[in-house]
Amino acid sequence: ILCLFVNTNFSIISTEFDSLKYIKPAISIYKFGGYETLETLPTYPYILSFFFKIFGLHNYLSIIIFQSFLLGLISFFLATVAKNFNKNFFYPTLILTCLWPNLIWRTTYISPEIVLTFLLVLSFYFLIRFFYEKHNFLIYLSFIFIGLSCLTRPNVIILPLLLLIFLPLIFKKKLNYSNSKIFKTVSFCFLIFFAIISTQVLKVYKISGYFGYSSQSGRAILSYYYPCLATSYGCGKRNLDAFNSGKKEYEERIKKLKPEDLENQIILSRIQRSIGIEKIRQLELKQIIQSSIGSQIKLFFHNFFYDVLFRFDITAFHFTETENTSNFLERIIKFFKIVFTDKYMLIWFFFEMVLFLSRLFQFQSFVHFIKTRENKILFSLLFIFILSQIITLIGFSTVRYRTPLEPFLILMTIFGFSQIKQKLFMGKKYK
């Protein structure tokens, strides 16, 4: 990665991926010790400001090197988790994670995806260790990192809620905890999480006068969730008519606000959220279902290489750009004729085949678990971590939002490959 930056004019900052949304608060922290915007959560801006203080303002290369180092740690901790289930899984998991294209690519941006992924992997690692070693401090460590994750990106907020619902069931059935012990353990996990999150809640209250978590939710619902759900198969590209409709109504409503309320980020966010939810409710149920399913399919089957082409300003070709005829097979043939005559699209095709192969292994892993229920705790927690992210991405299919899911999909890839290998060669099942 370092050679890539040294030898090319490789842009580290991307307005497309909200780099400036994190850099501006980081500069404010560097100069004044804090920042006032409520849309950006604090973990990543404080990390950026830390590196600015050590290596100089706007020294972005140091952050890229740091994120590359984090990818190495993600690989190590994930491999250690895999080793708990089969000692032979350590090095395949380590190597595969280090080489996973979407993870490598995300290290090259000023964007919090890799930091968030690292925090989630650490929380998963300590949670798995807890179920092996039965030491409560391990689960408390896990919730510390979950709390920090929620101070990195707001879409993680569903994860602790799901864990606090399902962990008591696991404690009861697998660890034979008494009801009082379950209550104490879960309560302390909640208190740890709340103590971390409360720092952001108090900041929001201090600045706005309202209790809240982030002003990002309103903009996200009105400007992204609604226009994406209004699109036939989710984003990709937002439905511009829906986006402009929401924007127009928002502008009309804020005209009625007092001047001081126009400066209040939480009030504006609540108005955006209200309009967005109203407009989503006006969509037909069939449209919402179709968009949700389509976006999830695209989320899991888009590879990262379109981002590469976009970043280097290289023309890419999409299936949706083929001539829209009633003959679907004809469109596919036309698309692949173009793919096989363009060197960049051939690279895209290679990564797409790798992605499809990994999905087959992951599907095999899922089917194996459903049939045999082996490693119940691992797979239950794995699905909770994956589900918590999927729920918040309904309507979205941008591949960068899949980044925090990748380590958990890598584990399923390793397990699935092992199972297929055993079937082919009649080997012993992994324990």
Protein backbone atom coordinates (compact mmCIF):
# COMPACT_ATOMS: atom_id res chain seq x y z
CA ILE A 1 0.00 0.00 0.00
CA LEU A 2 2.86 2.39 0.86
CA CYS A 3 4.47 1.75 -2.55
CA LEU A 4 1.14 2.56 -4.17
CA PHE A 5 1.09 6.02 -2.60
CA VAL A 6 4.76 6.76 -3.22
CA ASN A 7 4.68 5.80 -6.90
CA THR A 8 1.32 7.21 -8.00
CA ASN A 9 -0.79 10.31 -7.61
CA PHE A 10 -3.11 8.45 -5.31
CA SER A 11 -5.81 10.60 -3.69
CA ILE A 12 -6.27 9.78 -0.02
CA ILE A 13 -9.10 12.23 0.61
CA SER A 14 -12.41 11.46 -1.05
CA THR A 15 -15.43 13.74 -0.91
CA GLU A 16 -17.45 10.78 -2.19
CA PHE A 17 -16.64 8.83 0.97
CA ASP A 18 -17.10 11.75 3.40
CA SER A 19 -13.38 12.22 4.14
CA LEU A 20 -13.86 15.92 4.84
CA LYS A 21 -16.67 15.15 7.28
CA TYR A 22 -14.02 13.61 9.55
CA ILE A 23 -11.04 15.80 8.67
CA LYS A 24 -12.75 19.09 9.57
CA PRO A 25 -13.64 18.01 13.14
CA ALA A 26 -10.14 16.54 13.51
CA ILE A 27 -8.60 19.89 12.58
CA SER A 28 -10.93 21.60 15.07
CA ILE A 29 -9.78 19.17 17.79
CA TYR A 30 -6.16 19.80 16.80
CA LYS A 31 -6.56 23.59 17.05
CA PHE A 32 -9.20 24.09 19.73
CA GLY A 33 -9.48 20.79 21.63
CA GLY A 34 -12.98 19.88 20.40
CA TYR A 35 -15.63 20.31 17.71
CA GLU A 36 -19.28 21.36 17.63
CA THR A 37 -20.87 19.36 14.80
CA LEU A 38 -23.26 16.65 15.99
CA GLU A 39 -23.37 14.73 12.73
CA THR A 40 -19.89 13.21 13.11
CA LEU A 41 -19.27 10.76 15.93
CA PRO A 42 -16.00 11.29 17.85
CA THR A 43 -13.82 8.17 17.59
CA TYR A 44 -12.37 8.69 14.12
CA PRO A 45 -11.89 12.50 14.31
CA TYR A 46 -9.97 12.09 17.58
CA ILE A 47 -7.77 9.41 15.98
CA LEU A 48 -7.07 11.74 13.04
CA SER A 49 -6.24 14.64 15.36
CA PHE A 50 -3.86 12.40 17.34
CA PHE A 51 -1.87 11.65 14.19
CA PHE A 52 -1.98 15.32 13.14
CA LYS A 53 -0.37 16.25 16.48
CA ILE A 54 2.36 13.63 16.14
CA PHE A 55 3.14 13.79 12.39
CA GLY A 56 1.86 17.24 11.45
CA LEU A 57 -1.41 18.69 10.21
CA HIS A 58 -2.70 17.09 6.99
CA ASN A 59 -0.17 14.23 7.18
CA TYR A 60 -2.64 11.71 5.80
CA LEU A 61 -0.08 9.09 4.81
CA SER A 62 0.61 8.35 8.49
CA ILE A 63 -3.09 7.53 8.94
CA ILE A 64 -3.07 5.20 5.93
CA ILE A 65 -0.07 3.36 7.41
CA PHE A 66 -1.91 3.16 10.74
CA GLN A 67 -5.01 1.74 9.05
CA SER A 68 -2.84 -0.81 7.26
CA PHE A 69 -1.43 -1.82 10.65
CA LEU A 70 -4.99 -2.18 11.96
CA LEU A 71 -5.76 -4.53 9.07
CA GLY A 72 -2.86 -6.69 10.26
CA LEU A 73 -4.36 -6.75 13.76
CA ILE A 74 -7.80 -7.56 12.36
CA SER A 75 -6.22 -10.51 10.55
CA PHE A 76 -4.46 -11.73 13.71
CA PHE A 77 -7.48 -11.53 16.03
CA LEU A 78 -9.77 -13.10 13.45
CA ALA A 79 -7.30 -15.92 12.89
CA THR A 80 -7.14 -16.46 16.65
CA VAL A 81 -10.93 -16.80 16.75
CA ALA A 82 -10.79 -19.34 13.91
CA LYS A 83 -8.06 -21.26 15.74
CA ASN A 84 -10.46 -21.83 18.65
CA PHE A 85 -12.48 -24.09 16.40
CA ASN A 86 -9.70 -25.75 14.48
CA LYS A 87 -5.98 -25.11 14.98
CA ASN A 88 -5.48 -25.58 11.23
CA PHE A 89 -7.66 -22.53 10.51
CA PHE A 90 -5.23 -19.96 11.95
CA TYR A 91 -2.91 -19.38 8.98
CA PRO A 92 -5.57 -19.68 6.22
CA THR A 93 -7.70 -17.09 8.06
CA LEU A 94 -4.68 -14.84 8.69
CA ILE A 95 -3.57 -14.91 5.05
CA LEU A 96 -7.06 -14.63 3.57
CA THR A 97 -7.91 -11.60 5.71
CA CYS A 98 -4.64 -9.85 4.81
CA LEU A 99 -5.42 -10.41 1.12
CA TRP A 100 -9.16 -9.66 1.24
CA PRO A 101 -9.56 -6.98 -1.51
CA ASN A 102 -12.32 -4.87 0.03
CA LEU A 103 -10.45 -4.62 3.34
CA ILE A 104 -7.16 -3.67 1.67
CA TRP A 105 -8.91 -1.06 -0.44
CA ARG A 106 -10.61 0.57 2.56
CA THR A 107 -7.28 1.18 4.29
CA THR A 108 -6.41 3.66 1.54
CA TYR A 109 -9.13 6.19 2.38
CA ILE A 110 -9.55 8.76 5.10
CA SER A 111 -12.72 7.08 6.25
CA PRO A 112 -13.60 5.17 9.46
CA GLU A 113 -14.44 1.76 7.96
CA ILE A 114 -11.21 0.01 9.00
CA VAL A 115 -11.25 1.50 12.51
CA LEU A 116 -14.87 0.40 12.93
CA THR A 117 -14.06 -3.08 11.61
CA PHE A 118 -11.14 -3.40 14.04
CA LEU A 119 -13.34 -2.46 17.01
CA LEU A 120 -16.04 -4.93 15.99
CA VAL A 121 -13.52 -7.75 15.51
CA LEU A 122 -12.04 -7.03 18.95
CA SER A 123 -15.50 -7.11 20.54
CA PHE A 124 -16.23 -10.42 18.77
CA TYR A 125 -12.84 -11.83 19.83
CA PHE A 126 -13.39 -11.07 23.53
CA LEU A 127 -16.96 -12.35 23.36
CA ILE A 128 -15.77 -15.69 21.97
CA ARG A 129 -12.99 -15.87 24.59
CA PHE A 130 -15.59 -15.26 27.30
CA PHE A 131 -17.56 -18.34 26.27
CA TYR A 132 -14.38 -20.42 26.38
CA GLU A 133 -12.84 -19.08 29.57
CA LYS A 134 -15.97 -17.95 31.52
CA HIS A 135 -14.25 -14.84 32.91
CA ASN A 136 -16.72 -11.96 33.12
CA PHE A 137 -14.10 -9.27 32.48
CA LEU A 138 -13.83 -10.61 28.90
CA ILE A 139 -17.46 -9.91 28.09
CA TYR A 140 -17.11 -6.50 29.73
CA LEU A 141 -14.11 -5.79 27.47
CA SER A 142 -16.26 -6.83 24.52
CA PHE A 143 -18.92 -4.27 25.44
CA ILE A 144 -16.28 -1.56 25.85
CA PHE A 145 -15.27 -2.07 22.21
CA ILE A 146 -18.92 -2.27 21.14
CA GLY A 147 -19.46 1.08 22.85
CA LEU A 148 -16.47 2.56 21.02
CA SER A 149 -17.85 1.12 17.78
CA CYS A 150 -21.09 2.99 18.41
CA LEU A 151 -19.04 6.18 18.81
CA THR A 152 -17.53 5.52 15.38
CA ARG A 153 -20.57 4.85 13.21
CA PRO A 154 -24.26 5.16 14.24
CA ASN A 155 -25.36 2.08 12.29
CA VAL A 156 -23.71 -0.16 14.93
CA ILE A 157 -26.28 0.83 17.55
CA ILE A 158 -28.47 -2.24 16.84
CA LEU A 159 -25.65 -4.68 17.74
CA PRO A 160 -25.67 -4.12 21.54
CA LEU A 161 -29.47 -4.23 21.53
CA LEU A 162 -29.48 -7.63 19.79
CA LEU A 163 -26.76 -8.95 22.09
CA LEU A 164 -28.58 -7.82 25.21
CA ILE A 165 -31.68 -9.67 23.95
CA PHE A 166 -29.98 -12.92 22.93
CA LEU A 167 -27.13 -13.22 25.44
CA PRO A 168 -29.45 -14.14 28.36
CA LEU A 169 -30.77 -17.05 26.27
CA ILE A 170 -27.22 -18.25 25.57
CA PHE A 171 -26.25 -17.83 29.23
CA LYS A 172 -29.23 -19.91 30.32
CA LYS A 173 -28.96 -22.74 27.80
CA LYS A 174 -25.21 -23.05 27.36
CA LEU A 175 -23.67 -21.82 30.61
CA ASN A 176 -26.48 -22.78 33.00
CA TYR A 177 -26.34 -19.37 34.65
CA SER A 178 -28.89 -18.65 37.34
CA ASN A 179 -31.40 -15.87 36.67
CA SER A 180 -29.69 -13.60 39.21
CA LYS A 181 -26.26 -14.13 37.59
CA ILE A 182 -27.72 -13.49 34.14
CA PHE A 183 -29.31 -10.27 35.39
CA LYS A 184 -26.08 -9.05 37.01
CA THR A 185 -23.91 -9.86 33.99
CA VAL A 186 -26.27 -8.36 31.42
CA SER A 187 -26.92 -5.29 33.59
CA PHE A 188 -23.20 -4.59 33.94
CA CYS A 189 -22.73 -5.01 30.17
CA PHE A 190 -25.50 -2.47 29.63
CA LEU A 191 -24.01 -0.05 32.17
CA ILE A 192 -20.58 -0.23 30.48
CA PHE A 193 -22.13 0.40 27.09
CA PHE A 194 -24.33 3.23 28.38
CA ALA A 195 -21.41 4.89 30.20
CA ILE A 196 -19.48 5.08 26.93
CA ILE A 197 -22.43 6.25 24.84
CA SER A 198 -23.48 8.79 27.46
CA THR A 199 -20.41 10.91 26.63
CA GLN A 200 -21.95 11.56 23.20
CA VAL A 201 -25.48 11.97 24.57
CA LEU A 202 -24.26 14.60 27.05
CA LYS A 203 -22.37 16.41 24.30
CA VAL A 204 -25.52 16.52 22.17
CA TYR A 205 -27.52 17.87 25.11
CA LYS A 206 -24.90 20.48 25.93
CA ILE A 207 -24.82 21.83 22.37
CA SER A 208 -28.48 21.46 21.36
CA GLY A 209 -30.48 21.33 24.59
CA TYR A 210 -31.97 18.00 23.53
CA PHE A 211 -31.07 14.45 24.44
CA GLY A 212 -29.86 12.61 21.38
CA TYR A 213 -27.08 10.56 19.87
CA SER A 214 -26.31 12.13 16.53
CA SER A 215 -27.87 14.56 14.07
CA GLN A 216 -26.94 12.20 11.25
CA SER A 217 -30.07 10.03 11.47
CA GLY A 218 -32.43 12.68 10.07
CA ARG A 219 -30.30 13.41 7.03
CA ALA A 220 -29.72 9.70 6.44
CA ILE A 221 -33.45 8.85 6.50
CA LEU A 222 -34.55 11.76 4.30
CA SER A 223 -31.63 11.95 1.87
CA TYR A 224 -30.67 8.26 1.61
CA TYR A 225 -33.08 5.70 3.08
CA TYR A 226 -36.16 7.22 1.46
CA PRO A 227 -34.66 7.91 -2.02
CA CYS A 228 -32.98 4.48 -1.96
CA LEU A 229 -36.17 2.63 -1.01
CA ALA A 230 -37.96 4.61 -3.72
CA THR A 231 -35.52 3.13 -6.27
CA SER A 232 -36.52 -0.14 -7.95
CA TYR A 233 -33.71 -2.25 -6.49
CA GLY A 234 -32.16 0.06 -3.90
CA CYS A 235 -29.07 2.27 -4.16
CA GLY A 236 -26.64 2.43 -6.23
CA LYS A 237 -28.04 5.71 -7.35
CA ARG A 238 -30.79 7.42 -5.41
CA ASN A 239 -34.19 8.21 -6.91
CA LEU A 240 -33.64 11.90 -7.69
CA ASP A 241 -37.36 12.70 -7.84
CA ALA A 242 -37.80 11.28 -4.34
CA PHE A 243 -34.67 13.06 -3.10
CA ASN A 244 -35.78 16.44 -4.52
CA SER A 245 -39.31 15.95 -3.18
CA GLY A 246 -37.99 15.37 0.34
CA LYS A 247 -35.56 18.26 0.04
CA LYS A 248 -38.31 20.63 -1.11
CA GLU A 249 -40.62 19.71 1.79
CA TYR A 250 -37.75 20.08 4.27
CA GLU A 251 -36.94 23.56 2.95
CA GLU A 252 -40.59 24.55 3.28
CA ARG A 253 -40.79 23.37 6.89
CA ILE A 254 -37.63 25.07 8.11
CA LYS A 255 -38.91 28.42 6.80
CA LYS A 256 -41.30 28.38 9.79
CA LEU A 257 -38.52 27.94 12.36
CA LYS A 258 -37.17 30.63 14.65
CA PRO A 259 -33.68 31.89 13.71
CA GLU A 260 -32.09 30.20 16.73
CA ASP A 261 -33.73 26.86 15.81
CA LEU A 262 -32.20 27.03 12.34
CA GLU A 263 -28.82 26.66 14.02
CA ASN A 264 -29.91 23.69 16.15
CA GLN A 265 -28.69 20.49 14.47
CA ILE A 266 -30.97 18.19 16.48
CA ILE A 267 -34.14 20.16 15.64
CA LEU A 268 -33.22 20.06 11.95
CA SER A 269 -32.46 16.35 12.19
CA ARG A 270 -35.82 15.64 13.81
CA ILE A 271 -37.63 17.49 11.02
CA GLN A 272 -35.69 15.53 8.39
CA ARG A 273 -36.42 12.26 10.17
CA SER A 274 -40.13 13.08 10.44
CA ILE A 275 -40.43 13.91 6.72
CA GLY A 276 -38.37 10.87 5.71
CA ILE A 277 -40.47 8.44 7.76
CA GLU A 278 -43.70 9.98 6.42
CA LYS A 279 -42.53 9.55 2.85
CA ILE A 280 -41.33 5.97 3.42
CA ARG A 281 -44.78 5.13 4.78
CA GLN A 282 -46.29 6.50 1.58
CA LEU A 283 -44.33 4.00 -0.54
CA GLU A 284 -46.10 0.81 -1.57
CA LEU A 285 -45.17 -2.24 0.49
CA LYS A 286 -44.22 -4.08 -2.72
CA GLN A 287 -41.80 -1.27 -3.60
CA ILE A 288 -40.16 -1.37 -0.15
CA ILE A 289 -39.78 -5.16 -0.23
CA GLN A 290 -38.41 -5.17 -3.79
CA SER A 291 -35.95 -2.37 -3.04
CA SER A 292 -34.83 -3.99 0.23
CA ILE A 293 -34.20 -7.40 -1.35
CA GLY A 294 -32.53 -5.92 -4.41
CA SER A 295 -30.23 -3.71 -2.36
CA GLN A 296 -29.14 -6.64 -0.16
CA ILE A 297 -28.35 -8.79 -3.20
CA LYS A 298 -26.27 -5.97 -4.68
CA LEU A 299 -24.62 -5.30 -1.32
CA PHE A 300 -23.34 -8.87 -1.15
CA PHE A 301 -22.50 -9.35 -4.83
CA HIS A 302 -20.89 -6.06 -5.82
CA ASN A 303 -17.10 -6.20 -5.67
CA PHE A 304 -14.82 -3.32 -4.77
CA PHE A 305 -13.30 -2.78 -8.24
CA TYR A 306 -15.94 -0.32 -9.42
CA ASP A 307 -14.71 1.92 -6.59
CA VAL A 308 -11.16 1.58 -7.93
CA LEU A 309 -12.23 2.65 -11.41
CA PHE A 310 -14.25 5.55 -10.00
CA ARG A 311 -11.31 6.74 -7.89
CA PHE A 312 -8.90 6.73 -10.83
CA ASP A 313 -11.52 8.31 -13.10
CA ILE A 314 -11.57 5.27 -15.40
CA THR A 315 -14.74 4.61 -17.35
CA ALA A 316 -16.60 1.56 -16.04
CA PHE A 317 -19.52 -0.25 -17.60
CA HIS A 318 -22.55 -1.41 -15.62
CA PHE A 319 -25.13 -4.02 -16.50
CA THR A 320 -27.86 -1.38 -16.12
CA GLU A 321 -26.25 0.52 -19.01
CA THR A 322 -26.92 -2.25 -21.51
CA GLU A 323 -29.77 -1.71 -23.94
CA ASN A 324 -32.97 -2.39 -22.02
CA THR A 325 -34.79 -5.02 -24.05
CA SER A 326 -37.41 -7.58 -23.05
CA ASN A 327 -34.87 -10.32 -23.76
CA PHE A 328 -32.88 -10.54 -20.52
CA LEU A 329 -30.47 -13.14 -21.95
CA GLU A 330 -29.64 -10.79 -24.80
CA ARG A 331 -28.73 -8.05 -22.31
CA ILE A 332 -26.43 -10.45 -20.45
CA ILE A 333 -24.67 -11.43 -23.69
CA LYS A 334 -24.16 -7.78 -24.66
CA PHE A 335 -22.80 -6.96 -21.21
CA PHE A 336 -20.22 -9.75 -21.27
CA LYS A 337 -19.15 -8.91 -24.81
CA ILE A 338 -18.12 -5.51 -23.48
CA VAL A 339 -16.54 -7.02 -20.34
CA PHE A 340 -14.32 -9.37 -22.35
CA THR A 341 -13.08 -6.59 -24.63
CA ASP A 342 -12.09 -4.14 -21.89
CA LYS A 343 -8.99 -4.78 -19.79
CA TYR A 344 -10.37 -3.01 -16.73
CA MET A 345 -13.68 -4.83 -16.89
CA LEU A 346 -11.75 -8.11 -17.17
CA ILE A 347 -10.12 -7.30 -13.84
CA TRP A 348 -13.58 -6.53 -12.45
CA PHE A 349 -14.78 -9.91 -13.76
CA PHE A 350 -11.91 -11.73 -12.04
CA PHE A 351 -12.75 -10.18 -8.67
CA GLU A 352 -16.44 -10.87 -9.25
CA MET A 353 -15.70 -14.57 -9.76
CA VAL A 354 -13.61 -14.61 -6.58
CA LEU A 355 -16.51 -12.96 -4.76
CA PHE A 356 -19.03 -15.50 -6.08
CA LEU A 357 -16.76 -18.36 -5.03
CA SER A 358 -16.47 -16.96 -1.50
CA ARG A 359 -20.27 -16.61 -1.33
CA LEU A 360 -20.63 -20.31 -2.24
CA PHE A 361 -18.32 -21.26 0.65
CA GLN A 362 -20.24 -18.97 2.99
CA PHE A 363 -23.57 -20.44 1.91
CA GLN A 364 -22.21 -23.95 2.51
CA SER A 365 -21.13 -22.88 5.99
CA PHE A 366 -24.62 -21.52 6.72
CA VAL A 367 -26.37 -24.65 5.42
CA HIS A 368 -24.03 -26.87 7.43
CA PHE A 369 -24.88 -24.99 10.61
CA ILE A 370 -28.64 -25.16 9.96
CA LYS A 371 -28.42 -28.92 9.42
CA THR A 372 -26.01 -29.91 12.17
CA ARG A 373 -26.10 -27.01 14.69
CA GLU A 374 -22.36 -27.49 15.27
CA ASN A 375 -20.57 -24.67 17.10
CA LYS A 376 -23.87 -23.09 18.10
CA ILE A 377 -22.37 -20.25 20.09
CA LEU A 378 -19.94 -19.23 17.34
CA PHE A 379 -22.54 -19.19 14.60
CA SER A 380 -25.20 -17.57 16.78
CA LEU A 381 -22.86 -14.69 17.61
CA LEU A 382 -21.63 -14.58 14.02
CA PHE A 383 -25.18 -14.16 12.74
CA ILE A 384 -25.97 -11.52 15.36
CA PHE A 385 -22.96 -9.44 14.27
CA ILE A 386 -23.89 -9.84 10.60
CA LEU A 387 -27.62 -9.25 11.12
CA SER A 388 -27.02 -6.07 13.13
CA GLN A 389 -25.24 -4.55 10.12
CA ILE A 390 -27.63 -5.84 7.47
CA ILE A 391 -30.68 -4.34 9.20
CA THR A 392 -29.20 -0.85 9.04
CA LEU A 393 -28.29 -1.21 5.35
CA ILE A 394 -31.80 -1.83 4.01
CA GLY A 395 -31.96 0.07 0.72
CA PHE A 396 -28.17 0.51 0.43
CA SER A 397 -25.82 -1.49 -1.76
CA THR A 398 -22.63 0.58 -1.62
CA VAL A 399 -19.78 -1.87 -1.14
CA ARG A 400 -17.91 0.24 1.44
CA TYR A 401 -20.78 -0.28 3.88
CA ARG A 402 -20.05 -4.00 3.68
CA THR A 403 -16.55 -3.48 5.13
CA PRO A 404 -17.45 -4.21 8.80
CA LEU A 405 -19.14 -7.43 7.65
CA GLU A 406 -16.11 -8.76 5.81
CA PRO A 407 -14.26 -10.40 8.76
CA PHE A 408 -17.35 -12.39 9.72
CA LEU A 409 -17.88 -13.42 6.09
CA ILE A 410 -14.21 -14.47 5.95
CA LEU A 411 -14.78 -16.84 8.89
CA MET A 412 -17.75 -18.35 7.07
CA THR A 413 -15.61 -18.68 3.94
CA ILE A 414 -12.96 -20.64 5.85
CA PHE A 415 -15.55 -22.89 7.52
CA GLY A 416 -17.40 -23.46 4.24
CA PHE A 417 -14.23 -24.29 2.32
CA SER A 418 -13.26 -26.78 5.03
CA GLN A 419 -16.65 -28.48 4.83
CA ILE A 420 -16.57 -28.75 1.04
CA LYS A 421 -13.03 -30.09 1.20
CA GLN A 422 -14.15 -32.74 3.70
CA LYS A 423 -17.02 -33.80 1.45
CA LEU A 424 -14.75 -34.10 -1.56
CA PHE A 425 -11.99 -36.00 0.20
CA MET A 426 -14.08 -37.74 2.88
CA GLY A 427 -11.96 -36.30 5.66
CA LYS A 428 -12.82 -35.84 9.30
CA LYS A 429 -15.17 -33.10 10.36
CA TYR A 430 -13.63 -30.12 12.10
CA LYS A 431 -14.40 -29.81 15.75
